[in-house]
Amino acid sequence: SEVQFRYLPVRAYNLTLADGTMDVAVDDTLGWAPGRQAVDHEICLGTD
């Protein structure tokens, strides 16, 4: 009568800094849940 599937994404998810967050401290910490099969994580950041 019921089937449940669980799926772990390959991309990072549950990012702690949501889009549009204001007043972020200069020493705040980025956090995320790792994607499936990820070995390392590249941090890409800029103003453009």
All heavy atoms as atom14 arrays in JSON, in Angstrom:
{
  "sequence": "SEVQFRYLPVRAYNLTLADGTMDVAVDDTLGWAPGRQAVDHEICLGTD",
  "atom14_mask": [
    [1, 1, 1, 1, 1, 1, 0, 0, 0, 0, 0, 0, 0, 0],
    [1, 1, 1, 1, 1, 1, 1, 1, 1, 0, 0, 0, 0, 0],
    [1, 1, 1, 1, 1, 1, 1, 0, 0, 0, 0, 0, 0, 0],
    [1, 1, 1, 1, 1, 1, 1, 1, 1, 0, 0, 0, 0, 0],
    [1, 1, 1, 1, 1, 1, 1, 1, 1, 1, 1, 0, 0, 0],
    [1, 1, 1, 1, 1, 1, 1, 1, 1, 1, 1, 0, 0, 0],
    [1, 1, 1, 1, 1, 1, 1, 1, 1, 1, 1, 1, 0, 0],
    [1, 1, 1, 1, 1, 1, 1, 1, 0, 0, 0, 0, 0, 0],
    [1, 1, 1, 1, 1, 1, 1, 0, 0, 0, 0, 0, 0, 0],
    [1, 1, 1, 1, 1, 1, 1, 0, 0, 0, 0, 0, 0, 0],
    [1, 1, 1, 1, 1, 1, 1, 1, 1, 1, 1, 0, 0, 0],
    [1, 1, 1, 1, 1, 0, 0, 0, 0, 0, 0, 0, 0, 0],
    [1, 1, 1, 1, 1, 1, 1, 1, 1, 1, 1, 1, 0, 0],
    [1, 1, 1, 1, 1, 1, 1, 1, 0, 0, 0, 0, 0, 0],
    [1, 1, 1, 1, 1, 1, 1, 1, 0, 0, 0, 0, 0, 0],
    [1, 1, 1, 1, 1, 1, 1, 0, 0, 0, 0, 0, 0, 0],
    [1, 1, 1, 1, 1, 1, 1, 1, 0, 0, 0, 0, 0, 0],
    [1, 1, 1, 1, 1, 0, 0, 0, 0, 0, 0, 0, 0, 0],
    [1, 1, 1, 1, 1, 1, 1, 1, 0, 0, 0, 0, 0, 0],
    [1, 1, 1, 1, 0, 0, 0, 0, 0, 0, 0, 0, 0, 0],
    [1, 1, 1, 1, 1, 1, 1, 0, 0, 0, 0, 0, 0, 0],
    [1, 1, 1, 1, 1, 1, 1, 1, 0, 0, 0, 0, 0, 0],
    [1, 1, 1, 1, 1, 1, 1, 1, 0, 0, 0, 0, 0, 0],
    [1, 1, 1, 1, 1, 1, 1, 0, 0, 0, 0, 0, 0, 0],
    [1, 1, 1, 1, 1, 0, 0, 0, 0, 0, 0, 0, 0, 0],
    [1, 1, 1, 1, 1, 1, 1, 0, 0, 0, 0, 0, 0, 0],
    [1, 1, 1, 1, 1, 1, 1, 1, 0, 0, 0, 0, 0, 0],
    [1, 1, 1, 1, 1, 1, 1, 1, 0, 0, 0, 0, 0, 0],
    [1, 1, 1, 1, 1, 1, 1, 0, 0, 0, 0, 0, 0, 0],
    [1, 1, 1, 1, 1, 1, 1, 1, 0, 0, 0, 0, 0, 0],
    [1, 1, 1, 1, 0, 0, 0, 0, 0, 0, 0, 0, 0, 0],
    [1, 1, 1, 1, 1, 1, 1, 1, 1, 1, 1, 1, 1, 1],
    [1, 1, 1, 1, 1, 0, 0, 0, 0, 0, 0, 0, 0, 0],
    [1, 1, 1, 1, 1, 1, 1, 0, 0, 0, 0, 0, 0, 0],
    [1, 1, 1, 1, 0, 0, 0, 0, 0, 0, 0, 0, 0, 0],
    [1, 1, 1, 1, 1, 1, 1, 1, 1, 1, 1, 0, 0, 0],
    [1, 1, 1, 1, 1, 1, 1, 1, 1, 0, 0, 0, 0, 0],
    [1, 1, 1, 1, 1, 0, 0, 0, 0, 0, 0, 0, 0, 0],
    [1, 1, 1, 1, 1, 1, 1, 0, 0, 0, 0, 0, 0, 0],
    [1, 1, 1, 1, 1, 1, 1, 1, 0, 0, 0, 0, 0, 0],
    [1, 1, 1, 1, 1, 1, 1, 1, 1, 1, 0, 0, 0, 0],
    [1, 1, 1, 1, 1, 1, 1, 1, 1, 0, 0, 0, 0, 0],
    [1, 1, 1, 1, 1, 1, 1, 1, 0, 0, 0, 0, 0, 0],
    [1, 1, 1, 1, 1, 1, 0, 0, 0, 0, 0, 0, 0, 0],
    [1, 1, 1, 1, 1, 1, 1, 1, 0, 0, 0, 0, 0, 0],
    [1, 1, 1, 1, 0, 0, 0, 0, 0, 0, 0, 0, 0, 0],
    [1, 1, 1, 1, 1, 1, 1, 0, 0, 0, 0, 0, 0, 0],
    [1, 1, 1, 1, 1, 1, 1, 1, 0, 0, 0, 0, 0, 0]
  ],
  "atom14_positions": [
    [[0.8, -1.22, 0.0], [0.0, 0.0, 0.0], [0.84, 1.27, 0.0], [0.32, 2.35, -0.25], [-0.94, 0.01, 1.22], [-0.17, -0.03, 2.41], [0.0, 0.0, 0.0], [0.0, 0.0, 0.0], [0.0, 0.0, 0.0], [0.0, 0.0, 0.0], [0.0, 0.0, 0.0], [0.0, 0.0, 0.0], [0.0, 0.0, 0.0], [0.0, 0.0, 0.0]],
    [[2.11, 1.18, 0.33], [2.91, 2.41, 0.42], [4.37, 2.08, 0.16], [4.89, 1.07, 0.65], [2.77, 3.05, 1.79], [3.59, 4.32, 1.95], [3.38, 4.96, 3.32], [2.22, 5.22, 3.67], [4.39, 5.18, 4.0], [0.0, 0.0, 0.0], [0.0, 0.0, 0.0], [0.0, 0.0, 0.0], [0.0, 0.0, 0.0], [0.0, 0.0, 0.0]],
    [[5.01, 2.92, -0.61], [6.45, 2.78, -0.85], [7.12, 4.11, -0.55], [6.62, 5.16, -0.98], [6.74, 2.36, -2.31], [8.25, 2.29, -2.55], [6.11, 1.02, -2.62], [0.0, 0.0, 0.0], [0.0, 0.0, 0.0], [0.0, 0.0, 0.0], [0.0, 0.0, 0.0], [0.0, 0.0, 0.0], [0.0, 0.0, 0.0], [0.0, 0.0, 0.0]],
    [[8.19, 4.14, 0.22], [8.93, 5.36, 0.52], [10.32, 5.26, -0.1], [10.99, 4.22, 0.0], [9.05, 5.56, 2.03], [7.74, 5.89, 2.71], [7.93, 6.22, 4.18], [8.99, 5.94, 4.75], [6.91, 6.79, 4.78], [0.0, 0.0, 0.0], [0.0, 0.0, 0.0], [0.0, 0.0, 0.0], [0.0, 0.0, 0.0], [0.0, 0.0, 0.0]],
    [[10.72, 6.32, -0.77], [12.05, 6.38, -1.35], [12.83, 7.5, -0.67], [12.27, 8.57, -0.39], [11.97, 6.67, -2.85], [11.32, 5.57, -3.64], [9.96, 5.63, -3.92], [12.05, 4.5, -4.09], [9.35, 4.62, -4.64], [11.45, 3.49, -4.82], [10.1, 3.54, -5.09], [0.0, 0.0, 0.0], [0.0, 0.0, 0.0], [0.0, 0.0, 0.0]],
    [[14.06, 7.28, -0.4], [14.94, 8.32, 0.14], [16.04, 8.57, -0.88], [16.63, 7.62, -1.42], [15.55, 7.89, 1.47], [14.52, 7.79, 2.59], [15.17, 7.53, 3.91], [14.19, 7.49, 4.98], [14.49, 7.3, 6.27], [15.75, 7.11, 6.63], [13.53, 7.28, 7.17], [0.0, 0.0, 0.0], [0.0, 0.0, 0.0], [0.0, 0.0, 0.0]],
    [[16.28, 9.89, -1.09], [17.24, 10.26, -2.12], [18.23, 11.26, -1.53], [17.83, 12.28, -0.96], [16.52, 10.89, -3.3], [17.43, 11.52, -4.32], [18.16, 10.71, -5.21], [17.56, 12.9, -4.41], [19.01, 11.28, -6.14], [18.41, 13.47, -5.34], [19.13, 12.65, -6.21], [19.97, 13.22, -7.13], [0.0, 0.0, 0.0], [0.0, 0.0, 0.0]],
    [[19.49, 10.97, -1.62], [20.53, 11.87, -1.16], [21.11, 12.59, -2.36], [21.68, 11.94, -3.26], [21.64, 11.09, -0.44], [22.74, 11.94, 0.21], [22.16, 12.79, 1.33], [23.84, 11.02, 0.75], [0.0, 0.0, 0.0], [0.0, 0.0, 0.0], [0.0, 0.0, 0.0], [0.0, 0.0, 0.0], [0.0, 0.0, 0.0], [0.0, 0.0, 0.0]],
    [[20.94, 13.92, -2.44], [21.4, 14.63, -3.63], [22.92, 14.62, -3.76], [23.64, 14.5, -2.76], [20.88, 16.06, -3.41], [20.7, 16.18, -1.94], [20.32, 14.81, -1.46], [0.0, 0.0, 0.0], [0.0, 0.0, 0.0], [0.0, 0.0, 0.0], [0.0, 0.0, 0.0], [0.0, 0.0, 0.0], [0.0, 0.0, 0.0], [0.0, 0.0, 0.0]],
    [[23.37, 14.75, -4.99], [24.81, 14.8, -5.2], [25.36, 16.21, -4.95], [26.56, 16.38, -4.74], [25.17, 14.34, -6.63], [24.89, 12.86, -6.8], [24.42, 15.16, -7.67], [0.0, 0.0, 0.0], [0.0, 0.0, 0.0], [0.0, 0.0, 0.0], [0.0, 0.0, 0.0], [0.0, 0.0, 0.0], [0.0, 0.0, 0.0], [0.0, 0.0, 0.0]],
    [[24.52, 17.21, -5.0], [24.93, 18.58, -4.69], [24.82, 18.83, -3.18], [24.02, 18.18, -2.49], [24.05, 19.59, -5.42], [24.26, 19.6, -6.93], [23.37, 20.63, -7.59], [23.64, 20.76, -9.02], [23.11, 19.98, -9.96], [22.26, 19.01, -9.6], [23.43, 20.14, -11.22], [0.0, 0.0, 0.0], [0.0, 0.0, 0.0], [0.0, 0.0, 0.0]],
    [[25.58, 19.79, -2.69], [25.45, 20.2, -1.3], [24.05, 20.79, -1.09], [23.45, 21.35, -2.01], [26.52, 21.23, -0.95], [0.0, 0.0, 0.0], [0.0, 0.0, 0.0], [0.0, 0.0, 0.0], [0.0, 0.0, 0.0], [0.0, 0.0, 0.0], [0.0, 0.0, 0.0], [0.0, 0.0, 0.0], [0.0, 0.0, 0.0], [0.0, 0.0, 0.0]],
    [[23.52, 20.67, 0.12], [22.18, 21.18, 0.41], [22.13, 21.68, 1.85], [23.1, 21.53, 2.61], [21.12, 20.12, 0.13], [21.25, 18.85, 0.95], [20.44, 18.63, 2.06], [22.17, 17.86, 0.6], [20.56, 17.47, 2.81], [22.29, 16.7, 1.34], [21.48, 16.5, 2.45], [21.61, 15.36, 3.19], [0.0, 0.0, 0.0], [0.0, 0.0, 0.0]],
    [[21.0, 22.26, 2.22], [20.84, 22.84, 3.56], [21.93, 23.86, 3.87], [22.54, 23.85, 4.95], [20.81, 21.75, 4.64], [19.54, 20.94, 4.61], [18.55, 21.31, 3.96], [19.53, 19.81, 5.31], [0.0, 0.0, 0.0], [0.0, 0.0, 0.0], [0.0, 0.0, 0.0], [0.0, 0.0, 0.0], [0.0, 0.0, 0.0], [0.0, 0.0, 0.0]],
    [[22.18, 24.76, 2.93], [23.18, 25.81, 3.15], [22.71, 26.74, 4.27], [21.56, 27.16, 4.31], [23.4, 26.62, 1.87], [24.38, 26.01, 0.84], [23.88, 24.68, 0.3], [24.63, 26.99, -0.3], [0.0, 0.0, 0.0], [0.0, 0.0, 0.0], [0.0, 0.0, 0.0], [0.0, 0.0, 0.0], [0.0, 0.0, 0.0], [0.0, 0.0, 0.0]],
    [[23.61, 27.05, 5.2], [23.22, 27.83, 6.38], [22.99, 29.31, 6.06], [22.23, 29.98, 6.76], [24.28, 27.72, 7.48], [25.55, 28.12, 6.94], [24.38, 26.3, 8.0], [0.0, 0.0, 0.0], [0.0, 0.0, 0.0], [0.0, 0.0, 0.0], [0.0, 0.0, 0.0], [0.0, 0.0, 0.0], [0.0, 0.0, 0.0], [0.0, 0.0, 0.0]],
    [[23.66, 29.84, 5.05], [23.41, 31.23, 4.63], [22.48, 31.21, 3.44], [22.89, 30.9, 2.32], [24.72, 31.94, 4.28], [25.58, 32.44, 5.43], [26.77, 33.22, 4.89], [24.79, 33.3, 6.39], [0.0, 0.0, 0.0], [0.0, 0.0, 0.0], [0.0, 0.0, 0.0], [0.0, 0.0, 0.0], [0.0, 0.0, 0.0], [0.0, 0.0, 0.0]],
    [[21.23, 31.54, 3.69], [20.23, 31.51, 2.63], [20.4, 32.71, 1.7], [21.0, 33.73, 2.07], [18.83, 31.51, 3.23], [0.0, 0.0, 0.0], [0.0, 0.0, 0.0], [0.0, 0.0, 0.0], [0.0, 0.0, 0.0], [0.0, 0.0, 0.0], [0.0, 0.0, 0.0], [0.0, 0.0, 0.0], [0.0, 0.0, 0.0], [0.0, 0.0, 0.0]],
    [[19.87, 32.61, 0.51], [19.96, 33.69, -0.46], [19.28, 34.94, 0.08], [18.16, 34.89, 0.59], [19.3, 33.26, -1.77], [19.64, 34.18, -2.93], [20.76, 34.73, -2.94], [18.79, 34.36, -3.81], [0.0, 0.0, 0.0], [0.0, 0.0, 0.0], [0.0, 0.0, 0.0], [0.0, 0.0, 0.0], [0.0, 0.0, 0.0], [0.0, 0.0, 0.0]],
    [[19.99, 36.08, 0.01], [19.44, 37.35, 0.48], [19.69, 37.64, 1.93], [19.19, 38.65, 2.45], [0.0, 0.0, 0.0], [0.0, 0.0, 0.0], [0.0, 0.0, 0.0], [0.0, 0.0, 0.0], [0.0, 0.0, 0.0], [0.0, 0.0, 0.0], [0.0, 0.0, 0.0], [0.0, 0.0, 0.0], [0.0, 0.0, 0.0], [0.0, 0.0, 0.0]],
    [[20.47, 36.83, 2.63], [20.76, 37.07, 4.04], [21.5, 38.38, 4.21], [22.48, 38.66, 3.52], [21.59, 35.92, 4.64], [20.89, 34.7, 4.47], [21.85, 36.16, 6.12], [0.0, 0.0, 0.0], [0.0, 0.0, 0.0], [0.0, 0.0, 0.0], [0.0, 0.0, 0.0], [0.0, 0.0, 0.0], [0.0, 0.0, 0.0], [0.0, 0.0, 0.0]],
    [[21.04, 39.21, 5.16], [21.65, 40.52, 5.43], [22.44, 40.46, 6.73], [22.24, 39.59, 7.57], [20.57, 41.6, 5.51], [19.7, 41.72, 4.28], [20.61, 42.29, 2.82], [21.02, 43.97, 3.34], [0.0, 0.0, 0.0], [0.0, 0.0, 0.0], [0.0, 0.0, 0.0], [0.0, 0.0, 0.0], [0.0, 0.0, 0.0], [0.0, 0.0, 0.0]],
    [[23.33, 41.45, 6.91], [24.07, 41.66, 8.16], [24.84, 40.41, 8.58], [24.83, 40.01, 9.75], [23.12, 42.1, 9.28], [22.47, 43.43, 8.99], [23.12, 44.27, 8.35], [21.31, 43.64, 9.39], [0.0, 0.0, 0.0], [0.0, 0.0, 0.0], [0.0, 0.0, 0.0], [0.0, 0.0, 0.0], [0.0, 0.0, 0.0], [0.0, 0.0, 0.0]],
    [[25.52, 39.81, 7.62], [26.35, 38.64, 7.91], [27.66, 39.1, 8.55], [28.35, 39.98, 8.01], [26.62, 37.84, 6.63], [27.61, 36.71, 6.88], [25.31, 37.3, 6.06], [0.0, 0.0, 0.0], [0.0, 0.0, 0.0], [0.0, 0.0, 0.0], [0.0, 0.0, 0.0], [0.0, 0.0, 0.0], [0.0, 0.0, 0.0], [0.0, 0.0, 0.0]],
    [[28.02, 38.52, 9.68], [29.26, 38.88, 10.36], [30.46, 38.44, 9.54], [30.42, 37.43, 8.83], [29.31, 38.22, 11.74], [0.0, 0.0, 0.0], [0.0, 0.0, 0.0], [0.0, 0.0, 0.0], [0.0, 0.0, 0.0], [0.0, 0.0, 0.0], [0.0, 0.0, 0.0], [0.0, 0.0, 0.0], [0.0, 0.0, 0.0], [0.0, 0.0, 0.0]],
    [[31.55, 39.2, 9.64], [32.75, 38.87, 8.86], [33.38, 37.57, 9.31], [34.2, 36.98, 8.59], [33.78, 40.02, 8.94], [33.25, 41.27, 8.26], [34.18, 40.31, 10.38], [0.0, 0.0, 0.0], [0.0, 0.0, 0.0], [0.0, 0.0, 0.0], [0.0, 0.0, 0.0], [0.0, 0.0, 0.0], [0.0, 0.0, 0.0], [0.0, 0.0, 0.0]],
    [[33.03, 37.12, 10.5], [33.57, 35.84, 10.99], [32.48, 34.77, 11.09], [32.61, 33.81, 11.85], [34.25, 36.02, 12.35], [33.31, 36.55, 13.41], [32.15, 36.91, 13.08], [33.72, 36.61, 14.59], [0.0, 0.0, 0.0], [0.0, 0.0, 0.0], [0.0, 0.0, 0.0], [0.0, 0.0, 0.0], [0.0, 0.0, 0.0], [0.0, 0.0, 0.0]],
    [[31.4, 34.96, 10.32], [30.35, 33.95, 10.29], [30.89, 32.66, 9.65], [31.96, 32.65, 9.04], [29.15, 34.47, 9.5], [27.83, 33.82, 9.93], [27.88, 32.72, 10.5], [26.77, 34.43, 9.69], [0.0, 0.0, 0.0], [0.0, 0.0, 0.0], [0.0, 0.0, 0.0], [0.0, 0.0, 0.0], [0.0, 0.0, 0.0], [0.0, 0.0, 0.0]],
    [[30.14, 31.58, 9.78], [30.58, 30.29, 9.27], [29.58, 29.76, 8.25], [28.38, 29.68, 8.54], [30.75, 29.26, 10.41], [31.75, 29.73, 11.31], [31.15, 27.9, 9.86], [0.0, 0.0, 0.0], [0.0, 0.0, 0.0], [0.0, 0.0, 0.0], [0.0, 0.0, 0.0], [0.0, 0.0, 0.0], [0.0, 0.0, 0.0], [0.0, 0.0, 0.0]],
    [[30.08, 29.42, 7.06], [29.26, 28.73, 6.07], [29.13, 27.27, 6.49], [30.09, 26.65, 6.95], [29.91, 28.79, 4.69], [30.13, 30.16, 4.04], [30.81, 29.97, 2.69], [28.82, 30.88, 3.88], [0.0, 0.0, 0.0], [0.0, 0.0, 0.0], [0.0, 0.0, 0.0], [0.0, 0.0, 0.0], [0.0, 0.0, 0.0], [0.0, 0.0, 0.0]],
    [[27.95, 26.74, 6.32], [27.74, 25.33, 6.62], [26.8, 24.72, 5.59], [25.99, 25.41, 4.97], [0.0, 0.0, 0.0], [0.0, 0.0, 0.0], [0.0, 0.0, 0.0], [0.0, 0.0, 0.0], [0.0, 0.0, 0.0], [0.0, 0.0, 0.0], [0.0, 0.0, 0.0], [0.0, 0.0, 0.0], [0.0, 0.0, 0.0], [0.0, 0.0, 0.0]],
    [[26.92, 23.4, 5.37], [26.07, 22.73, 4.4], [26.08, 21.22, 4.69], [26.95, 20.71, 5.4], [26.56, 23.0, 2.98], [27.96, 22.5, 2.7], [28.33, 21.3, 2.19], [29.19, 23.22, 2.96], [29.68, 21.2, 2.11], [30.24, 22.37, 2.57], [29.49, 24.49, 3.47], [31.58, 22.75, 2.68], [30.81, 24.85, 3.59], [31.84, 23.99, 3.19]],
    [[25.09, 20.55, 4.16], [25.07, 19.09, 4.2], [25.75, 18.56, 2.94], [25.52, 19.08, 1.85], [23.64, 18.58, 4.3], [0.0, 0.0, 0.0], [0.0, 0.0, 0.0], [0.0, 0.0, 0.0], [0.0, 0.0, 0.0], [0.0, 0.0, 0.0], [0.0, 0.0, 0.0], [0.0, 0.0, 0.0], [0.0, 0.0, 0.0], [0.0, 0.0, 0.0]],
    [[26.61, 17.55, 3.07], [27.39, 17.12, 1.91], [26.55, 16.35, 0.9], [25.61, 15.62, 1.25], [28.46, 16.21, 2.53], [27.81, 15.66, 3.77], [26.94, 16.77, 4.29], [0.0, 0.0, 0.0], [0.0, 0.0, 0.0], [0.0, 0.0, 0.0], [0.0, 0.0, 0.0], [0.0, 0.0, 0.0], [0.0, 0.0, 0.0], [0.0, 0.0, 0.0]],
    [[26.9, 16.51, -0.35], [26.24, 15.74, -1.41], [26.73, 14.3, -1.44], [27.8, 13.97, -0.9], [0.0, 0.0, 0.0], [0.0, 0.0, 0.0], [0.0, 0.0, 0.0], [0.0, 0.0, 0.0], [0.0, 0.0, 0.0], [0.0, 0.0, 0.0], [0.0, 0.0, 0.0], [0.0, 0.0, 0.0], [0.0, 0.0, 0.0], [0.0, 0.0, 0.0]],
    [[25.97, 13.45, -2.07], [26.31, 12.04, -2.18], [27.64, 11.84, -2.9], [27.9, 12.42, -3.94], [25.19, 11.31, -2.95], [25.38, 9.8, -3.04], [24.19, 9.11, -3.71], [24.14, 9.32, -5.14], [23.22, 10.06, -5.74], [22.28, 10.67, -5.03], [23.23, 10.19, -7.06], [0.0, 0.0, 0.0], [0.0, 0.0, 0.0], [0.0, 0.0, 0.0]],
    [[28.5, 11.03, -2.31], [29.79, 10.63, -2.87], [30.82, 11.76, -2.91], [31.89, 11.63, -3.49], [29.61, 10.06, -4.3], [28.72, 8.83, -4.35], [28.5, 8.33, -5.76], [28.68, 9.07, -6.73], [28.09, 7.07, -5.88], [0.0, 0.0, 0.0], [0.0, 0.0, 0.0], [0.0, 0.0, 0.0], [0.0, 0.0, 0.0], [0.0, 0.0, 0.0]],
    [[30.52, 12.92, -2.24], [31.48, 14.03, -2.24], [32.71, 13.67, -1.4], [32.6, 13.1, -0.31], [30.83, 15.28, -1.68], [0.0, 0.0, 0.0], [0.0, 0.0, 0.0], [0.0, 0.0, 0.0], [0.0, 0.0, 0.0], [0.0, 0.0, 0.0], [0.0, 0.0, 0.0], [0.0, 0.0, 0.0], [0.0, 0.0, 0.0], [0.0, 0.0, 0.0]],
    [[33.89, 13.97, -1.95], [35.15, 13.76, -1.23], [35.66, 15.08, -0.67], [36.08, 15.17, 0.48], [36.2, 13.13, -2.16], [37.56, 13.03, -1.45], [35.73, 11.76, -2.62], [0.0, 0.0, 0.0], [0.0, 0.0, 0.0], [0.0, 0.0, 0.0], [0.0, 0.0, 0.0], [0.0, 0.0, 0.0], [0.0, 0.0, 0.0], [0.0, 0.0, 0.0]],
    [[35.63, 16.11, -1.5], [36.06, 17.46, -1.09], [34.98, 18.46, -1.46], [34.03, 18.15, -2.21], [37.37, 17.84, -1.78], [38.54, 17.0, -1.28], [38.68, 16.86, -0.06], [39.29, 16.47, -2.14], [0.0, 0.0, 0.0], [0.0, 0.0, 0.0], [0.0, 0.0, 0.0], [0.0, 0.0, 0.0], [0.0, 0.0, 0.0], [0.0, 0.0, 0.0]],
    [[35.17, 19.67, -0.95], [34.19, 20.73, -1.18], [34.95, 22.0, -1.58], [35.8, 22.48, -0.82], [33.36, 20.99, 0.08], [32.91, 19.74, 0.77], [31.81, 19.02, 0.39], [33.46, 19.07, 1.81], [31.67, 17.97, 1.17], [32.67, 17.97, 2.05], [0.0, 0.0, 0.0], [0.0, 0.0, 0.0], [0.0, 0.0, 0.0], [0.0, 0.0, 0.0]],
    [[34.63, 22.55, -2.74], [35.24, 23.8, -3.17], [34.36, 24.97, -2.74], [33.15, 24.95, -2.98], [35.42, 23.81, -4.7], [36.43, 22.81, -5.19], [36.55, 22.79, -6.69], [35.65, 23.34, -7.38], [37.53, 22.21, -7.2], [0.0, 0.0, 0.0], [0.0, 0.0, 0.0], [0.0, 0.0, 0.0], [0.0, 0.0, 0.0], [0.0, 0.0, 0.0]],
    [[35.0, 25.97, -2.15], [34.31, 27.19, -1.76], [34.56, 28.22, -2.85], [35.7, 28.66, -3.05], [34.82, 27.75, -0.4], [34.93, 26.64, 0.63], [33.94, 28.89, 0.07], [33.63, 25.99, 0.98], [0.0, 0.0, 0.0], [0.0, 0.0, 0.0], [0.0, 0.0, 0.0], [0.0, 0.0, 0.0], [0.0, 0.0, 0.0], [0.0, 0.0, 0.0]],
    [[33.51, 28.61, -3.54], [33.62, 29.61, -4.62], [32.89, 30.87, -4.16], [31.7, 30.8, -3.8], [33.0, 29.09, -5.91], [33.72, 27.53, -6.48], [0.0, 0.0, 0.0], [0.0, 0.0, 0.0], [0.0, 0.0, 0.0], [0.0, 0.0, 0.0], [0.0, 0.0, 0.0], [0.0, 0.0, 0.0], [0.0, 0.0, 0.0], [0.0, 0.0, 0.0]],
    [[33.57, 32.01, -4.17], [32.96, 33.24, -3.63], [33.51, 34.45, -4.36], [34.7, 34.51, -4.7], [33.23, 33.33, -2.13], [32.6, 34.5, -1.37], [32.15, 34.07, 0.02], [33.59, 35.66, -1.26], [0.0, 0.0, 0.0], [0.0, 0.0, 0.0], [0.0, 0.0, 0.0], [0.0, 0.0, 0.0], [0.0, 0.0, 0.0], [0.0, 0.0, 0.0]],
    [[32.64, 35.46, -4.58], [33.05, 36.71, -5.19], [31.9, 37.7, -5.21], [30.79, 37.4, -4.72], [0.0, 0.0, 0.0], [0.0, 0.0, 0.0], [0.0, 0.0, 0.0], [0.0, 0.0, 0.0], [0.0, 0.0, 0.0], [0.0, 0.0, 0.0], [0.0, 0.0, 0.0], [0.0, 0.0, 0.0], [0.0, 0.0, 0.0], [0.0, 0.0, 0.0]],
    [[32.14, 38.86, -5.77], [31.11, 39.9, -5.84], [30.36, 39.89, -7.16], [29.35, 40.56, -7.31], [31.74, 41.29, -5.63], [32.76, 41.5, -6.6], [32.34, 41.4, -4.23], [0.0, 0.0, 0.0], [0.0, 0.0, 0.0], [0.0, 0.0, 0.0], [0.0, 0.0, 0.0], [0.0, 0.0, 0.0], [0.0, 0.0, 0.0], [0.0, 0.0, 0.0]],
    [[30.85, 39.12, -8.14], [30.2, 38.99, -9.45], [29.56, 37.61, -9.52], [30.27, 36.59, -9.56], [31.23, 39.17, -10.56], [30.61, 39.1, -11.95], [29.4, 38.76, -12.06], [31.33, 39.38, -12.93], [0.0, 0.0, 0.0], [0.0, 0.0, 0.0], [0.0, 0.0, 0.0], [0.0, 0.0, 0.0], [0.0, 0.0, 0.0], [0.0, 0.0, 0.0]]
  ]
}
